[in-house]
Amino acid sequence: MDIYDMNGKRIKSLTKHISNGSYANSDFTWDGRSDRGAALNSGIYICKVFISSDELQTESAISSQMILIK
């Protein structure tokens, strides 16, 4: 999962490898910091989740807005 600011700049990348069939019950935790460790301001951010299947040889992405409140 990547997190972007409203200007489209990627600010955080969270990686998790999930086994077949368990992705529907997976969660991510973000501490409100950038990849460089800087605390980010409250605001609206975009999260983009990438899903790929080696078995089916497909890739998909889903994005959604989220609000960071401190």
C-alpha atoms as a PDB file:
ATOM      1  CA  MET A   1       0.000   0.000   0.000  1.00  0.00           C
ATOM      2  CA  ASP A   2       1.265   3.429  -0.880  1.00  0.00           C
ATOM      3  CA  ILE A   3       0.094   6.687   0.669  1.00  0.00           C
ATOM      4  CA  TYR A   4       0.067   9.909  -1.341  1.00  0.00           C
ATOM      5  CA  ASP A   5      -0.536  13.534  -0.458  1.00  0.00           C
ATOM      6  CA  MET A   6      -3.167  15.536  -2.343  1.00  0.00           C
ATOM      7  CA  ASN A   7      -0.495  16.678  -4.818  1.00  0.00           C
ATOM      8  CA  GLY A   8       0.110  13.071  -5.857  1.00  0.00           C
ATOM      9  CA  LYS A   9       3.501  12.752  -4.152  1.00  0.00           C
ATOM     10  CA  ARG A  10       4.088   9.322  -2.602  1.00  0.00           C
ATOM     11  CA  ILE A  11       4.931   9.872   1.038  1.00  0.00           C
ATOM     12  CA  LYS A  12       4.781   6.386   2.528  1.00  0.00           C
ATOM     13  CA  SER A  13       5.055   2.839   1.260  1.00  0.00           C
ATOM     14  CA  LEU A  14       3.799  -0.040   3.395  1.00  0.00           C
ATOM     15  CA  THR A  15       4.567  -3.544   2.182  1.00  0.00           C
ATOM     16  CA  LYS A  16       2.856  -6.739   3.198  1.00  0.00           C
ATOM     17  CA  HIS A  17       2.943 -10.085   1.431  1.00  0.00           C
ATOM     18  CA  ILE A  18      -0.320 -11.935   1.843  1.00  0.00           C
ATOM     19  CA  SER A  19      -0.927 -15.588   1.063  1.00  0.00           C
ATOM     20  CA  ASN A  20      -3.695 -16.781  -1.228  1.00  0.00           C
ATOM     21  CA  GLY A  21      -7.212 -16.143  -0.006  1.00  0.00           C
ATOM     22  CA  SER A  22      -6.310 -14.185   3.126  1.00  0.00           C
ATOM     23  CA  TYR A  23      -6.252 -10.690   1.595  1.00  0.00           C
ATOM     24  CA  ALA A  24      -9.868  -9.958   2.518  1.00  0.00           C
ATOM     25  CA  ASN A  25      -8.936 -10.145   6.215  1.00  0.00           C
ATOM     26  CA  SER A  26      -5.715  -8.132   6.067  1.00  0.00           C
ATOM     27  CA  ASP A  27      -5.042  -4.771   7.647  1.00  0.00           C
ATOM     28  CA  PHE A  28      -2.320  -2.140   7.541  1.00  0.00           C
ATOM     29  CA  THR A  29      -1.197   0.214  10.271  1.00  0.00           C
ATOM     30  CA  TRP A  30       0.198   3.644   9.457  1.00  0.00           C
ATOM     31  CA  ASP A  31       1.747   5.813  12.167  1.00  0.00           C
ATOM     32  CA  GLY A  32       1.138   9.110  10.335  1.00  0.00           C
ATOM     33  CA  ARG A  33       4.793   9.436   9.321  1.00  0.00           C
ATOM     34  CA  SER A  34       6.482   9.639   5.948  1.00  0.00           C
ATOM     35  CA  ASP A  35       9.077   7.147   4.700  1.00  0.00           C
ATOM     36  CA  ARG A  36      11.707   9.577   6.049  1.00  0.00           C
ATOM     37  CA  GLY A  37      10.158   9.487   9.524  1.00  0.00           C
ATOM     38  CA  ALA A  38       8.661  12.991   9.443  1.00  0.00           C
ATOM     39  CA  ALA A  39       5.335  13.423  11.276  1.00  0.00           C
ATOM     40  CA  LEU A  40       2.708  14.514   8.757  1.00  0.00           C
ATOM     41  CA  ASN A  41       0.045  17.153   9.231  1.00  0.00           C
ATOM     42  CA  SER A  42      -3.631  16.392   9.659  1.00  0.00           C
ATOM     43  CA  GLY A  43      -5.351  16.292   6.294  1.00  0.00           C
ATOM     44  CA  ILE A  44      -6.645  14.193   3.438  1.00  0.00           C
ATOM     45  CA  TYR A  45      -4.395  11.512   1.960  1.00  0.00           C
ATOM     46  CA  ILE A  46      -4.861   8.920  -0.759  1.00  0.00           C
ATOM     47  CA  CYS A  47      -4.097   5.269  -0.109  1.00  0.00           C
ATOM     48  CA  LYS A  48      -3.534   2.927  -3.017  1.00  0.00           C
ATOM     49  CA  VAL A  49      -3.498  -0.827  -2.530  1.00  0.00           C
ATOM     50  CA  PHE A  50      -1.849  -3.017  -5.139  1.00  0.00           C
ATOM     51  CA  ILE A  51      -3.003  -6.588  -5.584  1.00  0.00           C
ATOM     52  CA  SER A  52      -1.203  -9.095  -7.777  1.00  0.00           C
ATOM     53  CA  SER A  53      -1.598 -12.772  -8.440  1.00  0.00           C
ATOM     54  CA  ASP A  54       1.293 -14.839  -9.732  1.00  0.00           C
ATOM     55  CA  GLU A  55      -1.099 -17.718 -10.297  1.00  0.00           C
ATOM     56  CA  LEU A  56      -3.486 -15.667 -12.461  1.00  0.00           C
ATOM     57  CA  GLN A  57      -0.764 -13.334 -13.778  1.00  0.00           C
ATOM     58  CA  THR A  58      -2.888 -10.256 -13.033  1.00  0.00           C
ATOM     59  CA  GLU A  59      -2.462  -6.984 -11.172  1.00  0.00           C
ATOM     60  CA  SER A  60      -5.058  -4.591  -9.800  1.00  0.00           C
ATOM     61  CA  ALA A  61      -5.023  -1.381  -7.790  1.00  0.00           C
ATOM     62  CA  ILE A  62      -7.663   0.166  -5.554  1.00  0.00           C
ATOM     63  CA  SER A  63      -7.430   3.696  -4.203  1.00  0.00           C
ATOM     64  CA  SER A  64      -9.394   5.606  -1.583  1.00  0.00           C
ATOM     65  CA  GLN A  65      -9.190   8.859   0.338  1.00  0.00           C
ATOM     66  CA  MET A  66      -8.519   8.827   4.057  1.00  0.00           C
ATOM     67  CA  ILE A  67      -8.301  11.526   6.705  1.00  0.00           C
ATOM     68  CA  LEU A  68      -5.406  11.807   9.140  1.00  0.00           C
ATOM     69  CA  ILE A  69      -6.533  13.553  12.338  1.00  0.00           C
ATOM     70  CA  LYS A  70      -4.084  14.342  15.123  1.00  0.00           C
END
